[in-house]
Amino acid sequence: MRWTRWLLIAALTLSGPVHAVKDIELDKVEDQARFQDLANELRCMVCQNQSIADSNADLARDFRNQVKEKINAGQTNEEIREFMIARYGDYILYRPPFNMATALLWLGPFVLVLFGFIIVFRMARRKRVSDQNPREADTVQQARLKQLLEDEQESQP
């Protein structure tokens, strides 16, 4: 039992995170840095929560090869980004631009938090009002109950 625990610890320690970008190498150091930046900026459309740098999916591998070809062809980072956006939409970027199509993505969390604060504030205010005037609330309820009882007695023959 003890040796299996040590074997498991050793396997987990030695495995470490695997970065898929290691399969692409460019001749120039600055091109490799550009490639790394772009690969970390583009989302894998299969994994959706990983960049193409971290994903081992076949589509991510294809994206990495496309980026490499475009860097070797002399295209700028902006040209490569524009190509990928034109082909796959703003969703391919981890930081999509703010426009009408992505407004909900950018503003949605703030709107939800604001809505939550409004609900909490209104609930606290109602509680405070009912806590401040418990006798008044009881008096109103007693009067209403009294009226209901009177109406009930009048309706009976």
C-alpha atoms as a PDB file:
ATOM      1  CA  MET A   1       0.000   0.000   0.000  1.00  0.00           C
ATOM      2  CA  ARG A   2       2.813   2.380   0.871  1.00  0.00           C
ATOM      3  CA  TRP A   3       4.674   1.858  -2.419  1.00  0.00           C
ATOM      4  CA  THR A   4       1.540   2.641  -4.478  1.00  0.00           C
ATOM      5  CA  ARG A   5       1.150   5.958  -2.679  1.00  0.00           C
ATOM      6  CA  TRP A   6       4.781   6.859  -3.452  1.00  0.00           C
ATOM      7  CA  LEU A   7       4.343   5.746  -7.051  1.00  0.00           C
ATOM      8  CA  LEU A   8       1.255   7.963  -7.413  1.00  0.00           C
ATOM      9  CA  ILE A   9       3.045  10.962  -5.874  1.00  0.00           C
ATOM     10  CA  ALA A  10       6.034  10.463  -8.188  1.00  0.00           C
ATOM     11  CA  ALA A  11       3.794  10.190 -11.258  1.00  0.00           C
ATOM     12  CA  LEU A  12       1.899  13.358 -10.375  1.00  0.00           C
ATOM     13  CA  THR A  13       5.087  15.252  -9.598  1.00  0.00           C
ATOM     14  CA  LEU A  14       6.847  14.253 -12.787  1.00  0.00           C
ATOM     15  CA  SER A  15       3.882  14.722 -15.104  1.00  0.00           C
ATOM     16  CA  GLY A  16       3.454  18.489 -14.600  1.00  0.00           C
ATOM     17  CA  PRO A  17       1.497  20.677 -17.019  1.00  0.00           C
ATOM     18  CA  VAL A  18       1.917  19.949 -20.705  1.00  0.00           C
ATOM     19  CA  HIS A  19       2.036  22.883 -23.100  1.00  0.00           C
ATOM     20  CA  ALA A  20       1.070  21.974 -26.630  1.00  0.00           C
ATOM     21  CA  VAL A  21       2.967  24.954 -28.083  1.00  0.00           C
ATOM     22  CA  LYS A  22       6.216  23.036 -27.787  1.00  0.00           C
ATOM     23  CA  ASP A  23       5.443  21.271 -31.073  1.00  0.00           C
ATOM     24  CA  ILE A  24       5.849  24.540 -33.048  1.00  0.00           C
ATOM     25  CA  GLU A  25       9.266  26.120 -33.362  1.00  0.00           C
ATOM     26  CA  LEU A  26      10.188  29.148 -35.420  1.00  0.00           C
ATOM     27  CA  ASP A  27      13.645  30.191 -36.586  1.00  0.00           C
ATOM     28  CA  LYS A  28      13.761  33.663 -35.045  1.00  0.00           C
ATOM     29  CA  VAL A  29      13.443  34.254 -31.314  1.00  0.00           C
ATOM     30  CA  GLU A  30      11.173  37.288 -31.860  1.00  0.00           C
ATOM     31  CA  ASP A  31       8.925  35.209 -34.137  1.00  0.00           C
ATOM     32  CA  GLN A  32       8.719  32.534 -31.454  1.00  0.00           C
ATOM     33  CA  ALA A  33       7.717  35.199 -28.916  1.00  0.00           C
ATOM     34  CA  ARG A  34       5.064  36.566 -31.323  1.00  0.00           C
ATOM     35  CA  PHE A  35       3.777  33.049 -31.893  1.00  0.00           C
ATOM     36  CA  GLN A  36       3.569  32.429 -28.151  1.00  0.00           C
ATOM     37  CA  ASP A  37       1.649  35.695 -27.602  1.00  0.00           C
ATOM     38  CA  LEU A  38      -0.808  34.933 -30.391  1.00  0.00           C
ATOM     39  CA  ALA A  39      -1.270  31.320 -29.300  1.00  0.00           C
ATOM     40  CA  ASN A  40      -2.092  32.467 -25.757  1.00  0.00           C
ATOM     41  CA  GLU A  41      -4.531  35.057 -27.089  1.00  0.00           C
ATOM     42  CA  LEU A  42      -6.564  32.744 -29.344  1.00  0.00           C
ATOM     43  CA  ARG A  43      -9.195  30.398 -27.923  1.00  0.00           C
ATOM     44  CA  CYS A  44      -9.462  26.753 -28.912  1.00  0.00           C
ATOM     45  CA  MET A  45     -12.916  26.362 -30.427  1.00  0.00           C
ATOM     46  CA  VAL A  46     -13.122  22.740 -29.259  1.00  0.00           C
ATOM     47  CA  CYS A  47     -11.911  23.129 -25.676  1.00  0.00           C
ATOM     48  CA  GLN A  48     -13.383  26.643 -25.270  1.00  0.00           C
ATOM     49  CA  ASN A  49     -11.653  27.216 -21.954  1.00  0.00           C
ATOM     50  CA  GLN A  50      -8.118  26.763 -23.223  1.00  0.00           C
ATOM     51  CA  SER A  51      -5.965  28.777 -25.527  1.00  0.00           C
ATOM     52  CA  ILE A  52      -4.566  27.138 -28.632  1.00  0.00           C
ATOM     53  CA  ALA A  53      -1.235  27.183 -26.810  1.00  0.00           C
ATOM     54  CA  ASP A  54      -2.553  24.885 -24.079  1.00  0.00           C
ATOM     55  CA  SER A  55      -4.931  22.686 -26.055  1.00  0.00           C
ATOM     56  CA  ASN A  56      -4.014  19.303 -27.494  1.00  0.00           C
ATOM     57  CA  ALA A  57      -7.085  19.191 -29.770  1.00  0.00           C
ATOM     58  CA  ASP A  58      -6.540  18.640 -33.486  1.00  0.00           C
ATOM     59  CA  LEU A  59      -8.247  21.939 -34.290  1.00  0.00           C
ATOM     60  CA  ALA A  60      -5.891  23.799 -31.946  1.00  0.00           C
ATOM     61  CA  ARG A  61      -2.956  22.134 -33.682  1.00  0.00           C
ATOM     62  CA  ASP A  62      -4.352  23.349 -37.024  1.00  0.00           C
ATOM     63  CA  PHE A  63      -4.737  26.872 -35.612  1.00  0.00           C
ATOM     64  CA  ARG A  64      -1.136  26.810 -34.379  1.00  0.00           C
ATOM     65  CA  ASN A  65       0.038  25.725 -37.842  1.00  0.00           C
ATOM     66  CA  GLN A  66      -1.980  28.520 -39.474  1.00  0.00           C
ATOM     67  CA  VAL A  67      -0.467  31.089 -37.131  1.00  0.00           C
ATOM     68  CA  LYS A  68       3.012  29.723 -37.829  1.00  0.00           C
ATOM     69  CA  GLU A  69       2.465  29.911 -41.605  1.00  0.00           C
ATOM     70  CA  LYS A  70       1.218  33.480 -41.362  1.00  0.00           C
ATOM     71  CA  ILE A  71       4.176  34.544 -39.212  1.00  0.00           C
ATOM     72  CA  ASN A  72       6.560  32.909 -41.704  1.00  0.00           C
ATOM     73  CA  ALA A  73       4.716  34.751 -44.514  1.00  0.00           C
ATOM     74  CA  GLY A  74       5.560  38.046 -42.799  1.00  0.00           C
ATOM     75  CA  GLN A  75       2.094  39.001 -41.598  1.00  0.00           C
ATOM     76  CA  THR A  76       1.738  41.204 -38.513  1.00  0.00           C
ATOM     77  CA  ASN A  77      -0.016  40.113 -35.338  1.00  0.00           C
ATOM     78  CA  GLU A  78      -2.964  42.376 -36.189  1.00  0.00           C
ATOM     79  CA  GLU A  79      -3.308  40.849 -39.663  1.00  0.00           C
ATOM     80  CA  ILE A  80      -3.270  37.357 -38.169  1.00  0.00           C
ATOM     81  CA  ARG A  81      -5.881  38.343 -35.543  1.00  0.00           C
ATOM     82  CA  GLU A  82      -8.095  39.903 -38.232  1.00  0.00           C
ATOM     83  CA  PHE A  83      -7.844  36.743 -40.358  1.00  0.00           C
ATOM     84  CA  MET A  84      -8.849  34.529 -37.437  1.00  0.00           C
ATOM     85  CA  ILE A  85     -11.715  36.860 -36.446  1.00  0.00           C
ATOM     86  CA  ALA A  86     -12.978  37.033 -40.036  1.00  0.00           C
ATOM     87  CA  ARG A  87     -12.962  33.268 -40.239  1.00  0.00           C
ATOM     88  CA  TYR A  88     -14.153  32.273 -36.730  1.00  0.00           C
ATOM     89  CA  GLY A  89     -15.711  35.406 -35.227  1.00  0.00           C
ATOM     90  CA  ASP A  90     -14.880  37.419 -32.103  1.00  0.00           C
ATOM     91  CA  TYR A  91     -15.340  34.323 -29.949  1.00  0.00           C
ATOM     92  CA  ILE A  92     -11.884  33.101 -30.958  1.00  0.00           C
ATOM     93  CA  LEU A  93     -10.317  35.901 -28.888  1.00  0.00           C
ATOM     94  CA  TYR A  94     -10.035  35.621 -25.128  1.00  0.00           C
ATOM     95  CA  ARG A  95     -10.530  39.395 -24.940  1.00  0.00           C
ATOM     96  CA  PRO A  96     -13.139  40.155 -27.611  1.00  0.00           C
ATOM     97  CA  PRO A  97     -13.568  43.833 -28.554  1.00  0.00           C
ATOM     98  CA  PHE A  98     -16.424  45.842 -27.077  1.00  0.00           C
ATOM     99  CA  ASN A  99     -19.129  46.267 -29.719  1.00  0.00           C
ATOM    100  CA  MET A 100     -22.870  45.699 -30.060  1.00  0.00           C
ATOM    101  CA  ALA A 101     -22.435  41.946 -30.516  1.00  0.00           C
ATOM    102  CA  THR A 102     -20.317  41.572 -27.368  1.00  0.00           C
ATOM    103  CA  ALA A 103     -21.957  44.253 -25.185  1.00  0.00           C
ATOM    104  CA  LEU A 104     -23.883  41.669 -23.169  1.00  0.00           C
ATOM    105  CA  LEU A 105     -20.691  39.704 -22.603  1.00  0.00           C
ATOM    106  CA  TRP A 106     -18.910  42.779 -21.228  1.00  0.00           C
ATOM    107  CA  LEU A 107     -21.798  44.453 -19.395  1.00  0.00           C
ATOM    108  CA  GLY A 108     -23.772  41.388 -18.299  1.00  0.00           C
ATOM    109  CA  PRO A 109     -21.865  40.696 -15.072  1.00  0.00           C
ATOM    110  CA  PHE A 110     -22.151  44.341 -13.961  1.00  0.00           C
ATOM    111  CA  VAL A 111     -25.885  44.397 -14.710  1.00  0.00           C
ATOM    112  CA  LEU A 112     -26.408  41.162 -12.751  1.00  0.00           C
ATOM    113  CA  VAL A 113     -24.463  42.498  -9.743  1.00  0.00           C
ATOM    114  CA  LEU A 114     -26.425  45.768  -9.863  1.00  0.00           C
ATOM    115  CA  PHE A 115     -29.695  43.821 -10.076  1.00  0.00           C
ATOM    116  CA  GLY A 116     -28.607  41.724  -7.067  1.00  0.00           C
ATOM    117  CA  PHE A 117     -27.795  44.849  -5.030  1.00  0.00           C
ATOM    118  CA  ILE A 118     -31.213  46.324  -5.857  1.00  0.00           C
ATOM    119  CA  ILE A 119     -32.985  43.144  -4.727  1.00  0.00           C
ATOM    120  CA  VAL A 120     -30.985  42.956  -1.481  1.00  0.00           C
ATOM    121  CA  PHE A 121     -31.582  46.660  -0.804  1.00  0.00           C
ATOM    122  CA  ARG A 122     -35.347  46.336  -1.351  1.00  0.00           C
ATOM    123  CA  MET A 123     -35.560  43.228   0.840  1.00  0.00           C
ATOM    124  CA  ALA A 124     -33.586  44.938   3.618  1.00  0.00           C
ATOM    125  CA  ARG A 125     -35.782  48.029   3.374  1.00  0.00           C
ATOM    126  CA  ARG A 126     -38.978  45.957   3.642  1.00  0.00           C
ATOM    127  CA  LYS A 127     -37.589  44.101   6.629  1.00  0.00           C
ATOM    128  CA  ARG A 128     -36.549  47.366   8.276  1.00  0.00           C
ATOM    129  CA  VAL A 129     -40.033  48.869   7.782  1.00  0.00           C
ATOM    130  CA  SER A 130     -41.764  45.809   9.210  1.00  0.00           C
ATOM    131  CA  ASP A 131     -39.282  45.691  12.128  1.00  0.00           C
ATOM    132  CA  GLN A 132     -39.794  49.392  12.938  1.00  0.00           C
ATOM    133  CA  ASN A 133     -43.604  49.228  13.042  1.00  0.00           C
ATOM    134  CA  PRO A 134     -44.597  45.768  14.271  1.00  0.00           C
ATOM    135  CA  ARG A 135     -47.606  47.123  16.218  1.00  0.00           C
ATOM    136  CA  GLU A 136     -48.822  49.081  13.205  1.00  0.00           C
ATOM    137  CA  ALA A 137     -48.556  45.969  11.049  1.00  0.00           C
ATOM    138  CA  ASP A 138     -50.346  43.934  13.724  1.00  0.00           C
ATOM    139  CA  THR A 139     -53.071  46.579  14.023  1.00  0.00           C
ATOM    140  CA  VAL A 140     -53.638  46.596  10.269  1.00  0.00           C
ATOM    141  CA  GLN A 141     -53.769  42.809  10.189  1.00  0.00           C
ATOM    142  CA  GLN A 142     -56.159  42.678  13.152  1.00  0.00           C
ATOM    143  CA  ALA A 143     -58.456  45.207  11.522  1.00  0.00           C
ATOM    144  CA  ARG A 144     -58.462  43.222   8.301  1.00  0.00           C
ATOM    145  CA  LEU A 145     -59.215  39.981  10.162  1.00  0.00           C
ATOM    146  CA  LYS A 146     -61.997  41.690  12.095  1.00  0.00           C
ATOM    147  CA  GLN A 147     -63.518  42.961   8.835  1.00  0.00           C
ATOM    148  CA  LEU A 148     -63.330  39.477   7.297  1.00  0.00           C
ATOM    149  CA  LEU A 149     -65.043  37.945  10.340  1.00  0.00           C
ATOM    150  CA  GLU A 150     -67.786  40.559  10.257  1.00  0.00           C
ATOM    151  CA  ASP A 151     -68.318  39.995   6.543  1.00  0.00           C
ATOM    152  CA  GLU A 152     -68.514  36.240   7.184  1.00  0.00           C
ATOM    153  CA  GLN A 153     -71.060  36.652   9.980  1.00  0.00           C
ATOM    154  CA  GLU A 154     -73.221  38.959   7.861  1.00  0.00           C
ATOM    155  CA  SER A 155     -73.275  36.519   4.961  1.00  0.00           C
ATOM    156  CA  GLN A 156     -74.511  33.630   7.131  1.00  0.00           C
ATOM    157  CA  PRO A 157     -78.332  33.340   7.564  1.00  0.00           C
END
